[in-house]
N, C-alpha and C. Protein backbone atom coordinates (compact mmCIF):
# COMPACT_ATOMS: atom_id res chain seq x y z
N MET A 1 0.86 -1.18 0.00
CA MET A 1 0.00 0.00 0.00
C MET A 1 0.90 1.24 0.00
N SER A 2 0.66 2.15 -0.90
CA SER A 2 1.46 3.38 -0.97
C SER A 2 1.01 4.37 0.09
N ASP A 3 1.83 5.38 0.35
CA ASP A 3 1.49 6.41 1.35
C ASP A 3 0.21 7.15 0.97
N ASN A 4 -0.06 7.32 -0.32
CA ASN A 4 -1.24 8.07 -0.76
C ASN A 4 -2.53 7.31 -0.48
N GLU A 5 -2.45 6.00 -0.27
CA GLU A 5 -3.65 5.20 -0.03
C GLU A 5 -3.93 4.97 1.46
N ARG A 6 -3.03 5.36 2.33
CA ARG A 6 -3.22 5.16 3.76
C ARG A 6 -4.35 6.05 4.26
N THR A 7 -5.06 5.57 5.25
CA THR A 7 -6.18 6.33 5.78
C THR A 7 -5.96 6.70 7.24
N VAL A 8 -6.58 7.80 7.62
CA VAL A 8 -6.63 8.24 9.01
C VAL A 8 -8.08 8.07 9.44
N GLN A 9 -8.30 7.40 10.56
CA GLN A 9 -9.66 7.18 11.04
C GLN A 9 -9.77 7.70 12.46
N TYR A 10 -10.90 8.35 12.75
CA TYR A 10 -11.18 8.82 14.10
C TYR A 10 -12.68 8.98 14.27
N THR A 11 -13.13 9.02 15.51
CA THR A 11 -14.54 9.23 15.81
C THR A 11 -14.73 10.67 16.26
N CYS A 12 -15.70 11.35 15.66
CA CYS A 12 -15.98 12.75 15.99
C CYS A 12 -16.35 12.87 17.47
N LEU A 13 -15.72 13.80 18.15
CA LEU A 13 -15.98 14.00 19.57
C LEU A 13 -17.35 14.61 19.84
N LYS A 14 -17.91 15.30 18.84
CA LYS A 14 -19.19 15.98 19.02
C LYS A 14 -20.38 15.07 18.69
N CYS A 15 -20.35 14.39 17.55
CA CYS A 15 -21.52 13.63 17.11
C CYS A 15 -21.32 12.12 17.12
N GLY A 16 -20.08 11.66 17.27
CA GLY A 16 -19.81 10.23 17.30
C GLY A 16 -19.65 9.57 15.94
N TYR A 17 -19.68 10.35 14.86
CA TYR A 17 -19.56 9.80 13.50
C TYR A 17 -18.13 9.30 13.28
N LYS A 18 -17.99 8.14 12.65
CA LYS A 18 -16.67 7.58 12.37
C LYS A 18 -16.16 8.13 11.03
N ASN A 19 -15.13 8.95 11.10
CA ASN A 19 -14.54 9.58 9.92
C ASN A 19 -13.37 8.76 9.41
N SER A 20 -13.21 8.73 8.11
CA SER A 20 -12.09 8.06 7.47
C SER A 20 -11.60 8.95 6.34
N TRP A 21 -10.32 9.32 6.39
CA TRP A 21 -9.73 10.22 5.40
C TRP A 21 -8.50 9.58 4.79
N THR A 22 -8.37 9.63 3.46
CA THR A 22 -7.13 9.22 2.82
C THR A 22 -6.18 10.42 2.83
N ARG A 23 -4.92 10.16 2.64
CA ARG A 23 -3.93 11.24 2.59
C ARG A 23 -4.30 12.25 1.50
N ASP A 24 -4.72 11.76 0.33
CA ASP A 24 -5.09 12.66 -0.76
C ASP A 24 -6.28 13.54 -0.39
N GLU A 25 -7.28 12.97 0.29
CA GLU A 25 -8.43 13.78 0.73
C GLU A 25 -7.99 14.86 1.71
N ILE A 26 -7.10 14.52 2.63
CA ILE A 26 -6.61 15.51 3.60
C ILE A 26 -5.93 16.65 2.88
N LEU A 27 -5.09 16.34 1.92
CA LEU A 27 -4.37 17.38 1.18
C LEU A 27 -5.32 18.25 0.35
N GLN A 28 -6.37 17.66 -0.22
CA GLN A 28 -7.30 18.38 -1.08
C GLN A 28 -8.35 19.17 -0.30
N ARG A 29 -8.90 18.59 0.77
CA ARG A 29 -10.05 19.18 1.45
C ARG A 29 -9.74 19.80 2.81
N GLY A 30 -8.59 19.42 3.39
CA GLY A 30 -8.23 19.95 4.70
C GLY A 30 -7.71 21.37 4.61
N GLN A 31 -7.83 22.10 5.69
CA GLN A 31 -7.28 23.44 5.78
C GLN A 31 -5.98 23.35 6.56
N GLU A 32 -4.88 23.75 5.91
CA GLU A 32 -3.58 23.67 6.57
C GLU A 32 -3.53 24.66 7.72
N VAL A 33 -3.07 24.20 8.87
CA VAL A 33 -2.92 25.04 10.05
C VAL A 33 -1.57 25.74 9.95
N ILE A 34 -1.50 26.95 10.45
CA ILE A 34 -0.28 27.76 10.30
C ILE A 34 0.95 27.06 10.86
N TYR A 35 0.83 26.37 12.00
CA TYR A 35 1.98 25.67 12.57
C TYR A 35 2.49 24.63 11.60
N ARG A 36 3.78 24.65 11.36
CA ARG A 36 4.39 23.64 10.49
C ARG A 36 5.60 23.06 11.19
N GLY A 37 5.52 21.80 11.52
CA GLY A 37 6.65 21.13 12.14
C GLY A 37 7.69 20.79 11.09
N GLU A 38 8.83 20.38 11.54
CA GLU A 38 9.91 20.04 10.63
C GLU A 38 9.57 18.83 9.77
N ASN A 39 8.89 17.84 10.38
CA ASN A 39 8.62 16.58 9.68
C ASN A 39 7.15 16.32 9.43
N GLU A 40 6.27 17.26 9.82
CA GLU A 40 4.84 17.05 9.64
C GLU A 40 4.11 18.36 9.38
N VAL A 41 2.93 18.23 8.79
CA VAL A 41 2.05 19.36 8.54
C VAL A 41 0.72 19.04 9.21
N ILE A 42 0.11 20.02 9.86
CA ILE A 42 -1.16 19.80 10.55
C ILE A 42 -2.30 20.38 9.72
N TYR A 43 -3.35 19.58 9.54
CA TYR A 43 -4.53 19.99 8.79
C TYR A 43 -5.75 19.96 9.70
N SER A 44 -6.66 20.90 9.47
CA SER A 44 -7.94 20.93 10.18
C SER A 44 -8.99 20.37 9.24
N LEU A 45 -9.71 19.35 9.70
CA LEU A 45 -10.70 18.66 8.87
C LEU A 45 -12.07 18.73 9.50
N ARG A 46 -13.07 19.01 8.69
CA ARG A 46 -14.45 19.03 9.19
C ARG A 46 -15.01 17.62 9.19
N CYS A 47 -15.86 17.33 10.16
CA CYS A 47 -16.50 16.02 10.26
C CYS A 47 -17.26 15.71 8.97
N LYS A 48 -17.20 14.46 8.53
CA LYS A 48 -17.87 14.04 7.29
C LYS A 48 -19.32 13.61 7.49
N ASN A 49 -19.88 13.77 8.67
CA ASN A 49 -21.24 13.33 8.96
C ASN A 49 -22.21 13.93 7.94
N PRO A 50 -22.92 13.09 7.15
CA PRO A 50 -23.84 13.60 6.12
C PRO A 50 -25.03 14.36 6.72
N LYS A 51 -25.31 14.17 8.00
CA LYS A 51 -26.42 14.90 8.63
C LYS A 51 -26.00 16.31 9.02
N GLY A 52 -24.71 16.61 8.90
CA GLY A 52 -24.21 17.94 9.19
C GLY A 52 -23.66 18.05 10.61
N CYS A 53 -22.38 18.26 10.70
CA CYS A 53 -21.71 18.46 11.98
C CYS A 53 -20.57 19.45 11.71
N ASP A 54 -20.47 20.48 12.54
CA ASP A 54 -19.46 21.51 12.31
C ASP A 54 -18.17 21.28 13.10
N GLN A 55 -18.04 20.14 13.74
CA GLN A 55 -16.84 19.84 14.53
C GLN A 55 -15.64 19.68 13.61
N ARG A 56 -14.48 20.19 14.05
CA ARG A 56 -13.24 20.06 13.29
C ARG A 56 -12.23 19.28 14.12
N MET A 57 -11.39 18.53 13.43
CA MET A 57 -10.34 17.76 14.09
C MET A 57 -9.02 18.14 13.43
N ARG A 58 -7.97 18.24 14.22
CA ARG A 58 -6.64 18.51 13.67
C ARG A 58 -5.90 17.20 13.51
N ILE A 59 -5.36 17.00 12.32
CA ILE A 59 -4.64 15.78 11.97
C ILE A 59 -3.24 16.15 11.47
N ALA A 60 -2.23 15.50 11.99
CA ALA A 60 -0.86 15.72 11.53
C ALA A 60 -0.50 14.62 10.54
N ILE A 61 0.05 15.02 9.40
CA ILE A 61 0.52 14.03 8.44
C ILE A 61 1.99 14.31 8.13
N ALA A 62 2.72 13.25 7.85
CA ALA A 62 4.14 13.38 7.58
C ALA A 62 4.39 14.15 6.30
N ARG A 63 5.38 15.00 6.34
CA ARG A 63 5.78 15.76 5.16
C ARG A 63 6.48 14.80 4.21
N GLN A 64 6.13 14.86 2.93
CA GLN A 64 6.77 13.98 1.95
C GLN A 64 7.88 14.71 1.24
N GLU A 65 8.98 14.02 1.06
CA GLU A 65 10.12 14.59 0.35
C GLU A 65 9.95 14.30 -1.14
N HIS A 66 10.22 15.28 -1.95
CA HIS A 66 10.05 15.12 -3.41
C HIS A 66 11.36 14.87 -4.06
């Protein structure tokens, strides 16, 4: 499995919905947080609950070298 296919899974603290994000989805839909670590980037992601939930979660993903 390549790094682009790995998923991050968590349960929303507000509504209990189980979220699953691929690395590509995080890069495309997440909002990058200003803090940037040396080896990781932090993204803010909105809950995927189709009923509507405004809770956001911060996810750190490893910086890829090109």
